[in-house]
Protein backbone atom coordinates (compact mmCIF):
# COMPACT_ATOMS: atom_id res chain seq x y z
CA MET A 1 106.48 123.93 103.42
CA LEU A 2 104.74 127.32 103.08
CA ALA A 3 105.24 129.84 105.87
CA HIS A 4 102.21 130.59 108.02
CA ASN A 5 100.77 134.11 107.95
CA ILE A 6 100.37 135.62 111.42
CA LEU A 7 98.64 138.90 112.23
CA VAL A 8 99.62 140.82 115.39
CA VAL A 9 96.96 143.29 116.56
CA ASP A 10 98.02 145.60 119.41
CA ASP A 11 97.95 149.37 119.77
CA GLU A 12 101.24 149.40 121.70
CA GLU A 13 104.19 149.67 119.33
CA PHE A 14 106.48 148.08 121.96
CA ILE A 15 104.31 144.95 122.10
CA ARG A 16 104.17 144.65 118.31
CA ALA A 17 107.95 145.08 118.05
CA ASN A 18 108.54 142.61 120.89
CA ILE A 19 106.40 139.91 119.26
CA LYS A 20 108.11 140.57 115.93
CA ASN A 21 111.51 140.01 117.57
CA ILE A 22 110.30 136.88 119.38
CA LEU A 23 109.09 135.35 116.10
CA LEU A 24 111.99 136.61 114.01
CA ASP A 25 113.65 133.23 113.64
CA GLU A 26 110.39 131.32 113.11
CA ASN A 27 109.05 130.43 109.68
CA TYR A 28 106.20 132.98 109.78
CA ASN A 29 105.09 135.92 107.65
CA LEU A 30 104.04 138.70 110.02
CA PHE A 31 101.44 141.44 109.57
CA LEU A 32 101.31 144.16 112.23
CA SER A 33 98.16 146.18 112.99
CA ALA A 34 97.63 148.91 115.56
CA SER A 35 93.82 148.99 115.33
CA GLY A 36 90.82 146.76 114.92
CA ASN A 37 89.74 148.26 111.61
CA ASP A 38 93.19 147.79 110.12
CA ALA A 39 93.21 144.16 111.32
CA LEU A 40 89.88 143.50 109.61
CA GLU A 41 91.23 144.92 106.35
CA VAL A 42 94.31 142.70 106.53
CA VAL A 43 92.22 139.57 107.04
CA LYS A 44 90.01 140.55 104.09
CA LYS A 45 93.02 140.91 101.79
CA GLU A 46 95.48 138.31 103.08
CA ASN A 47 95.22 134.61 103.80
CA VAL A 48 95.91 134.89 107.53
CA ASP A 49 96.33 131.64 109.47
CA LEU A 50 96.47 133.03 113.01
CA ALA A 51 95.86 136.35 114.76
CA LEU A 52 97.30 137.56 118.08
CA LEU A 53 94.63 139.96 119.24
CA ASP A 54 94.83 142.47 122.09
CA LEU A 55 91.39 143.00 123.65
CA ASN A 56 92.01 146.65 124.55
CA LEU A 57 92.16 148.60 121.32
CA PRO A 58 91.31 152.30 120.89
CA ASP A 59 88.88 152.04 117.97
CA MET A 60 86.90 148.89 118.65
CA ASN A 61 86.00 146.46 121.45
CA GLY A 62 88.18 143.35 121.27
CA ILE A 63 85.19 140.99 121.50
CA GLU A 64 83.57 142.77 118.55
CA ILE A 65 86.79 142.48 116.56
CA LEU A 66 86.87 138.76 117.29
CA LYS A 67 83.28 138.35 116.09
CA ASN A 68 84.03 140.28 112.89
CA LEU A 69 87.24 138.35 112.24
CA LYS A 70 85.31 135.09 112.57
CA LYS A 71 82.66 136.38 110.15
CA ILE A 72 85.34 137.08 107.56
CA ASP A 73 87.16 133.79 108.14
CA PRO A 74 85.46 131.23 110.43
CA GLU A 75 88.61 129.04 110.33
CA LEU A 76 90.94 131.82 111.53
CA LEU A 77 92.84 130.94 114.70
CA VAL A 78 92.73 133.73 117.25
CA ILE A 79 94.89 133.94 120.38
CA ILE A 80 93.88 136.68 122.80
CA ILE A 81 96.52 138.91 124.39
CA THR A 82 95.22 140.28 127.65
CA GLY A 83 96.23 141.93 130.91
CA TYR A 84 95.33 140.39 134.25
CA ALA A 85 92.39 142.79 134.56
CA SER A 86 90.78 141.47 131.38
CA VAL A 87 90.92 137.74 132.01
CA GLU A 88 87.10 137.54 132.19
CA SER A 89 86.90 139.07 128.71
CA ALA A 90 89.45 136.55 127.49
CA VAL A 91 87.33 133.70 128.83
CA GLU A 92 84.33 135.20 127.02
CA ALA A 93 86.44 135.27 123.85
CA LEU A 94 87.16 131.55 124.26
CA LYS A 95 83.43 130.87 124.25
CA LEU A 96 83.18 132.79 120.98
CA GLY A 97 85.78 130.65 119.27
CA ALA A 98 89.18 132.03 120.26
CA TYR A 99 91.79 129.29 120.47
CA ASP A 100 93.34 130.40 123.77
CA TYR A 101 94.62 133.49 125.58
CA ILE A 102 97.96 134.59 126.97
CA LYS A 103 98.46 137.14 129.74
CA LYS A 104 100.78 140.15 129.68
CA PRO A 105 103.64 140.24 130.34
CA PHE A 106 104.11 137.08 128.33
CA LYS A 107 107.23 134.96 127.95
CA ALA A 108 108.87 134.46 124.58
CA ASP A 109 108.84 130.68 124.78
CA ALA A 110 105.25 130.66 126.01
CA ILE A 111 103.97 132.60 123.01
CA LYS A 112 106.04 130.46 120.61
CA LEU A 113 104.59 127.30 122.14
CA ILE A 114 100.98 128.44 122.09
CA ILE A 115 101.31 129.54 118.44
CA ARG A 116 102.81 126.19 117.49
CA LEU A 117 100.07 124.26 119.31
CA ALA A 118 97.37 126.38 117.64
CA LEU A 119 98.80 125.80 114.16
CA GLU A 120 99.15 122.07 114.85
CA THR A 121 95.50 121.98 115.90
CA GLN A 122 94.53 123.71 112.65
CA SER A 123 96.61 121.22 110.69
CA LEU A 124 94.86 118.39 112.54
CA LYS A 125 91.43 119.75 111.59
CA GLU A 126 92.44 120.08 107.94
CA LYS A 127 93.76 116.51 107.95
CA VAL A 128 90.46 115.25 109.36
CA LYS A 129 88.55 117.10 106.63
CA GLU A 130 90.76 115.60 103.93
CA LEU A 131 90.33 112.08 105.30
CA SER A 132 86.57 112.51 105.56
CA LYS A 133 86.41 113.10 101.79
CA ILE A 134 88.10 109.79 101.01
CA LYS A 135 85.79 106.90 100.09
CA THR A 136 85.08 104.52 102.92
CA THR A 137 86.35 101.62 100.85
CA SER A 138 89.93 102.82 101.38
CA LEU A 139 92.22 102.13 104.33
CA ASP A 140 92.14 105.79 105.34
CA VAL A 141 88.74 105.26 106.94
CA ILE A 142 90.79 103.90 109.87
CA LEU A 143 91.88 107.25 111.27
CA GLY A 144 95.33 107.43 112.80
CA GLU A 145 99.00 107.73 111.94
CA SER A 146 100.67 106.19 114.99
CA GLU A 147 103.23 103.44 114.53
CA PRO A 148 101.02 100.70 116.06
CA LEU A 149 98.11 101.61 113.79
CA ASN A 150 100.29 101.88 110.69
CA LYS A 151 101.40 98.31 111.40
CA VAL A 152 97.74 97.24 111.44
CA LYS A 153 97.09 99.08 108.16
CA HIS A 154 100.03 97.32 106.53
CA GLN A 155 98.69 93.94 107.69
CA ILE A 156 95.24 94.76 106.31
CA GLU A 157 96.74 95.60 102.92
CA GLU A 158 98.68 92.35 102.84
CA PHE A 159 95.99 90.07 104.27
CA SER A 160 93.25 91.43 102.01
CA LYS A 161 95.04 89.82 99.05
CA TYR A 162 94.57 86.33 100.51
CA ASP A 163 90.80 86.42 100.54
CA SER A 164 90.26 82.70 101.11
CA GLU A 165 92.20 82.63 104.39
CA THR A 166 90.58 83.22 107.77
CA VAL A 167 91.69 86.20 109.88
CA LEU A 168 91.58 86.49 113.66
CA ILE A 169 91.41 90.06 115.00
CA THR A 170 92.25 90.47 118.67
CA GLY A 171 92.17 93.52 120.89
CA GLU A 172 90.36 95.23 123.72
CA SER A 173 86.67 96.02 123.55
CA GLY A 174 85.99 99.23 121.65
CA SER A 175 89.38 99.36 119.93
CA GLY A 176 87.99 99.16 116.38
CA LYS A 177 88.10 95.48 115.42
CA GLU A 178 84.92 95.73 113.34
CA LEU A 179 86.46 98.54 111.29
CA VAL A 180 89.47 96.34 110.56
CA ALA A 181 87.18 93.53 109.41
CA LYS A 182 85.29 95.85 107.06
CA SER A 183 88.54 97.21 105.63
CA LEU A 184 89.79 93.67 104.98
CA HIS A 185 86.61 93.00 103.01
CA ASN A 186 86.60 96.36 101.20
CA LEU A 187 90.18 95.94 99.98
CA SER A 188 89.74 92.31 98.96
CA PRO A 189 88.50 90.90 95.63
CA ARG A 190 85.24 90.13 97.46
CA ASN A 191 84.39 93.81 97.94
CA ASN A 192 81.52 93.69 95.44
CA ARG A 193 79.84 90.94 97.49
CA GLU A 194 78.12 90.85 100.88
CA PHE A 195 79.84 91.76 104.14
CA LEU A 196 77.67 90.23 106.87
CA GLU A 197 78.34 90.30 110.58
CA VAL A 198 76.99 88.78 113.77
CA ASN A 199 77.89 89.33 117.42
CA CYS A 200 78.22 85.90 119.00
CA ALA A 201 77.84 87.34 122.50
CA SER A 202 74.51 89.04 121.90
CA ILE A 203 72.48 86.05 120.65
CA PRO A 204 71.54 82.88 122.62
CA GLU A 205 73.17 79.64 121.40
CA THR A 206 70.08 78.14 119.71
CA LEU A 207 69.22 81.38 117.92
CA LEU A 208 72.84 81.90 116.86
CA GLU A 209 72.93 78.45 115.28
CA SER A 210 69.82 79.11 113.21
CA GLU A 211 71.13 82.59 112.37
CA LEU A 212 74.35 81.11 110.99
CA PHE A 213 73.11 77.90 109.36
CA GLY A 214 69.52 78.77 108.51
CA TYR A 215 66.77 76.15 108.68
CA GLU A 216 64.31 74.17 106.62
CA LYS A 217 60.57 74.50 106.94
CA GLY A 218 59.38 72.39 109.87
CA ALA A 219 62.85 72.04 111.42
CA PHE A 220 61.31 73.21 114.71
CA THR A 221 57.96 74.49 115.95
CA ASP A 222 58.25 78.07 114.72
CA ALA A 223 59.98 77.20 111.41
CA LYS A 224 57.05 78.09 109.18
CA THR A 225 59.19 78.69 106.10
CA GLN A 226 62.69 77.97 104.88
CA LYS A 227 65.33 80.48 105.94
CA LYS A 228 68.83 81.00 104.58
CA GLY A 229 71.52 81.53 107.22
CA LEU A 230 74.39 84.02 107.19
CA LEU A 231 76.83 81.39 105.96
CA GLU A 232 74.73 80.94 102.84
CA LYS A 233 73.98 84.63 102.37
CA ALA A 234 77.69 85.49 102.61
CA ASP A 235 78.60 83.11 99.77
CA LYS A 236 81.42 84.68 97.69
CA GLY A 237 81.57 87.45 100.29
CA THR A 238 82.72 87.84 103.90
CA LEU A 239 81.20 86.76 107.22
CA PHE A 240 82.44 88.58 110.31
CA LEU A 241 82.00 86.70 113.60
CA ASP A 242 82.46 89.26 116.37
CA GLU A 243 83.17 88.07 119.93
CA ILE A 244 83.94 84.55 118.70
CA GLY A 245 85.21 83.68 122.19
CA GLU A 246 81.61 83.68 123.46
CA MET A 247 80.46 80.97 121.04
CA SER A 248 79.40 77.71 122.71
CA PRO A 249 81.66 74.62 122.33
CA SER A 250 79.01 72.67 120.38
CA LEU A 251 78.61 75.50 117.88
CA GLN A 252 82.39 75.86 117.67
CA ALA A 253 82.58 72.25 116.46
CA LYS A 254 80.05 72.92 113.70
CA LEU A 255 81.87 76.08 112.64
CA LEU A 256 85.14 74.14 112.44
CA ARG A 257 83.58 71.67 110.00
CA VAL A 258 82.42 74.54 107.80
CA LEU A 259 85.93 75.99 107.74
CA GLU A 260 87.47 72.63 106.84
CA ASN A 261 84.90 71.40 104.32
CA LYS A 262 83.43 74.63 102.94
CA LYS A 263 79.97 73.04 103.21
CA PHE A 264 77.16 72.76 105.77
CA ARG A 265 73.52 71.80 106.17
CA ARG A 266 70.63 73.96 107.24
CA LEU A 267 68.92 72.95 110.50
CA GLY A 268 66.55 70.13 109.62
CA GLY A 269 68.14 69.78 106.18
CA THR A 270 69.66 66.71 104.49
CA ALA A 271 71.48 68.30 101.54
CA ASP A 272 74.98 69.79 101.80
CA ILE A 273 75.32 73.41 100.75
CA GLU A 274 78.73 74.41 99.42
CA VAL A 275 79.92 77.96 100.09
CA ASN A 276 82.88 80.06 99.05
CA LEU A 277 83.28 82.70 101.72
CA ARG A 278 85.89 84.30 103.89
CA ILE A 279 85.41 84.18 107.66
CA ILE A 280 86.89 86.90 109.82
CA ALA A 281 86.61 86.46 113.58
CA ALA A 282 87.29 88.91 116.40
CA THR A 283 87.61 88.62 120.16
CA ASN A 284 88.67 90.61 123.22
CA LYS A 285 89.28 87.38 125.16
CA ASN A 286 92.55 85.57 125.66
CA LEU A 287 91.71 82.50 123.58
CA LYS A 288 94.78 80.54 124.71
CA GLN A 289 93.62 80.91 128.29
CA ALA A 290 90.11 79.94 127.21
CA ILE A 291 91.59 76.79 125.63
CA GLU A 292 93.31 75.90 128.91
CA GLU A 293 90.01 76.39 130.73
CA LYS A 294 88.22 74.15 128.18
CA GLU A 295 86.04 77.03 127.01
CA PHE A 296 87.41 77.23 123.46
CA ARG A 297 88.43 74.51 121.03
CA GLU A 298 92.15 74.42 120.30
CA ASP A 299 91.64 73.08 116.76
CA LEU A 300 89.22 75.92 115.96
CA TYR A 301 91.68 78.47 117.37
CA TYR A 302 94.44 77.31 115.03
CA ARG A 303 92.03 77.21 112.10
CA LEU A 304 90.91 80.78 112.76
CA ASN A 305 94.40 82.04 113.55
CA VAL A 306 95.82 81.57 110.06
CA LEU A 307 96.30 85.33 109.78
CA ARG A 308 96.30 87.48 112.93
CA ILE A 309 95.84 91.20 113.52
CA GLU A 310 96.27 92.69 116.99
CA MET A 311 94.37 95.99 117.31
CA PRO A 312 96.28 98.34 119.66
CA PRO A 313 94.41 99.99 122.53
CA LEU A 314 93.77 103.71 122.17
CA ARG A 315 96.13 104.64 125.03
CA GLU A 316 99.06 103.28 122.98
CA ARG A 317 98.24 105.32 119.88
CA GLY A 318 99.60 108.73 120.94
CA ASP A 319 98.27 111.68 118.94
CA ASP A 320 95.73 109.44 117.20
CA ILE A 321 93.60 110.32 120.23
CA LEU A 322 93.48 113.98 119.16
CA LEU A 323 92.90 113.10 115.51
CA LEU A 324 89.95 110.89 116.44
CA ALA A 325 88.59 113.43 118.93
CA GLN A 326 88.60 116.15 116.26
CA SER A 327 87.01 113.79 113.74
CA PHE A 328 84.22 112.90 116.16
CA LEU A 329 83.82 116.59 117.03
CA ASP A 330 83.32 117.46 113.36
CA PHE A 331 80.89 114.56 112.92
CA PHE A 332 78.69 115.48 115.89
CA ASN A 333 78.89 119.18 115.03
CA LYS A 334 77.07 118.34 111.80
CA LYS A 335 74.68 115.93 113.50
CA PHE A 336 73.62 118.34 116.26
CA LYS A 337 74.11 121.55 114.23
CA LYS A 338 76.77 122.85 116.60
CA GLN A 339 79.84 125.01 115.87
CA ILE A 340 82.36 123.74 118.41
CA THR A 341 85.74 124.48 116.85
CA HIS A 342 88.47 122.80 118.87
CA PHE A 343 89.93 121.61 122.18
CA THR A 344 92.11 123.93 124.26
CA PRO A 345 95.71 122.76 124.88
CA GLN A 346 94.73 121.85 128.44
CA ALA A 347 91.80 119.77 127.17
CA GLN A 348 94.10 118.09 124.64
CA ALA A 349 96.52 117.24 127.44
CA GLY A 350 93.63 115.77 129.43
CA LEU A 351 92.63 113.56 126.52
CA LEU A 352 96.21 112.39 126.04
CA ASN A 353 96.74 111.63 129.73
CA TYR A 354 93.60 109.53 130.16
CA SER A 355 93.97 105.72 130.00
CA TRP A 356 90.86 105.12 127.81
CA PRO A 357 89.69 101.75 129.18
CA GLY A 358 86.78 101.85 126.71
CA ASN A 359 89.08 102.78 123.80
CA VAL A 360 87.73 104.46 120.64
CA ARG A 361 84.13 103.66 121.55
CA GLU A 362 84.52 105.51 124.86
CA LEU A 363 86.13 108.51 123.15
CA LYS A 364 83.31 108.70 120.61
CA ASN A 365 80.64 108.54 123.31
CA ILE A 366 82.37 111.27 125.34
CA ILE A 367 82.65 113.61 122.35
CA GLU A 368 79.00 112.98 121.50
CA ARG A 369 77.97 113.89 125.05
CA ILE A 370 80.12 117.03 124.97
CA CYS A 371 78.54 118.14 121.69
CA ILE A 372 75.04 117.65 123.11
CA LEU A 373 75.74 119.62 126.30
CA GLN A 374 78.31 122.18 125.11
CA LYS A 375 77.21 125.82 124.82
CA SER A 376 80.50 127.52 123.94
CA GLN A 377 82.57 127.03 120.77
CA VAL A 378 85.66 125.68 122.52
CA VAL A 379 86.07 122.50 124.57
CA GLU A 380 87.96 123.31 127.77
CA VAL A 381 89.36 120.82 130.26
CA GLN A 382 86.46 121.42 132.65
CA ASN A 383 84.04 120.36 129.89
CA LEU A 384 85.55 116.88 129.89
CA PRO A 385 84.10 114.15 132.14
CA GLY A 386 85.33 114.06 135.72
CA GLU A 387 87.42 110.95 135.22
CA ILE A 388 89.47 112.93 132.67
CA SER A 389 89.41 116.49 134.01
CA HIS A 390 90.17 115.36 137.57
CA ASN A 391 92.96 113.06 136.48
CA ASN A 392 95.98 113.88 138.62
CA ASN A 393 98.18 114.15 135.57
CA THR A 394 95.90 116.52 133.67
CA ALA A 395 96.58 119.63 135.68
CA GLU A 396 100.28 118.90 135.77
CA SER A 397 101.00 118.22 132.13
CA THR A 398 100.92 119.87 128.73
CA MET A 399 101.80 118.89 125.21
CA SER A 400 104.91 119.35 123.10
CA GLY A 401 104.22 118.25 119.53
CA SER A 402 103.08 114.66 119.66
CA ASN A 403 104.36 114.02 123.22
CA GLN A 404 103.68 115.36 126.71
CA LEU A 405 106.18 117.80 128.19
CA GLY A 406 106.05 116.25 131.65
CA LYS A 407 104.37 116.69 134.99
CA ALA A 408 105.32 120.28 135.66
CA SER A 409 102.87 123.04 134.80
CA LEU A 410 103.29 124.93 131.54
CA ASP A 411 104.22 128.15 133.34
CA GLU A 412 106.81 126.35 135.45
CA ILE A 413 108.36 124.64 132.44
CA LEU A 414 108.60 127.88 130.48
CA TYR A 415 109.83 129.83 133.52
CA ASN A 416 112.70 127.40 134.09
CA PHE A 417 113.50 127.27 130.40
CA GLU A 418 113.67 131.07 130.05
CA VAL A 419 115.77 131.51 133.18
CA GLU A 420 118.23 128.92 131.88
CA LEU A 421 118.25 130.58 128.44
CA LEU A 422 118.91 134.03 129.92
CA THR A 423 121.64 132.71 132.19
CA LYS A 424 123.48 131.03 129.32
CA ALA A 425 123.09 134.11 127.11
CA LEU A 426 124.49 136.34 129.89
CA GLU A 427 127.49 134.06 130.23
CA SER A 428 128.05 134.03 126.47
CA GLY A 429 127.74 137.84 126.38
CA ARG A 430 130.09 138.18 129.35
CA PHE A 431 127.25 139.78 131.32
CA ASN A 432 127.12 142.76 128.95
CA ILE A 433 123.55 143.93 128.32
CA SER A 434 124.08 145.01 124.71
CA GLN A 435 125.99 141.87 123.75
CA THR A 436 123.46 139.60 125.48
CA ALA A 437 120.53 141.38 123.77
CA ARG A 438 122.21 140.82 120.39
CA ILE A 439 122.68 137.13 121.14
CA LEU A 440 119.00 136.78 122.08
CA LYS A 441 117.87 139.12 119.24
CA ILE A 442 115.66 141.14 121.57
CA PRO A 443 115.70 144.88 122.51
CA ARG A 444 117.86 145.87 125.48
CA GLU A 445 114.78 147.21 127.28
CA THR A 446 113.14 143.82 127.01
CA LEU A 447 116.26 142.11 128.32
CA ARG A 448 116.48 144.49 131.30
CA TYR A 449 112.83 143.82 132.08
CA LYS A 450 113.38 140.06 132.03
CA LEU A 451 116.55 140.21 134.13
CA SER A 452 114.72 142.30 136.72
CA LYS A 453 111.70 140.02 136.62
CA TYR A 454 113.77 136.88 137.27
CA GLY A 455 116.17 138.49 139.72
CA LEU A 456 119.17 137.90 137.50
CA GLN A 457 122.28 140.12 137.44
CA ASN A 458 121.72 143.22 135.32
CA GLY A 459 125.33 143.43 134.24
CA ASP A 460 126.87 146.43 132.50
CA ASN A 461 125.33 148.70 129.93
């Protein structure tokens, strides 16, 4: 894996040296700049992935540097380094596309973590772009890499080979069952034929019957001409029956006969019509319970349930949430001509902590609303809907890779970690400043500052 190129822009030599020492053991190539103009030249010449930018530079305003950096490379990740007095400027920088900011004096583990999160976000965006270029007839149109979703993808690949067998897709509303059905069709030998779909819950029983079976002229008052139904139109292709659990018992019986005999009659017709089609059904209902309550035919259930795919809810798909959120962000950016670049770590944590009762559909609708209303280039936690931003867990959690670090705040986690690290290093160095500094690979002045800051024993020189 290629090392990332990181640019450090700060006029204080001590800060540049400190960051260099902090990142010494990381797989990064570092470029150090003491001025804004020098930083701009580096970005013009080198393929820089991320810049740590101090807002207070002698030759140029930090906000102007940020704007110019983004002009040179719109994809460049920028993390602002700021003192407490310049937090308002840092917030302004976020609105202009900076990834995040970190306040001086910063902690070593804090800056490592924020860099890692920023680079992971960039990797996520690149992955979304790659997937968006793939033809929609491939499995990769189902975005996600979580274990539950990979299981579904494997089933789709296997089941698509048996294109005469029915498939029952179960899962919560909004979880992506229709996408699974389309992928089954697209990967099957029937992919050059029709994929037709009907939502059994959205059409009254009498209309649904005529929609499926078609009718002959004069079959009923308004039947002025003959009409082919979806069963006939989907011949040699695929018919997707969404929300099959809402179909009436009488219509269920007729559908069962079609599945068993591969033939039917139009309403008002006398001739059998033979069809060769695959039927895929989907439901968010518990069909076994519906059978017990006499709402669904048991024989139809077993006929539909030859092959079964259970679509996992979004809350069980881990970092797929962030991948989908970024994909929807890119999609609606193009639709609404916006330039919203990413979600802050806090916003990402909010998305991961939310239970998503409406699943992927809810996530898509939320991102669409954000893109319509958003003015700045970065989605912060307060830009998320109240049910997410006010979630009790949101303010108390952060991310570590693909998991959440816990319910303590980021500062608290890093504070405890650094105190423990310093304490162990002091013990290993027998409380000698020089020896401990060598163990930690930091300057002695930095170590003294940290020991004083945390109230730890200074030891000997």
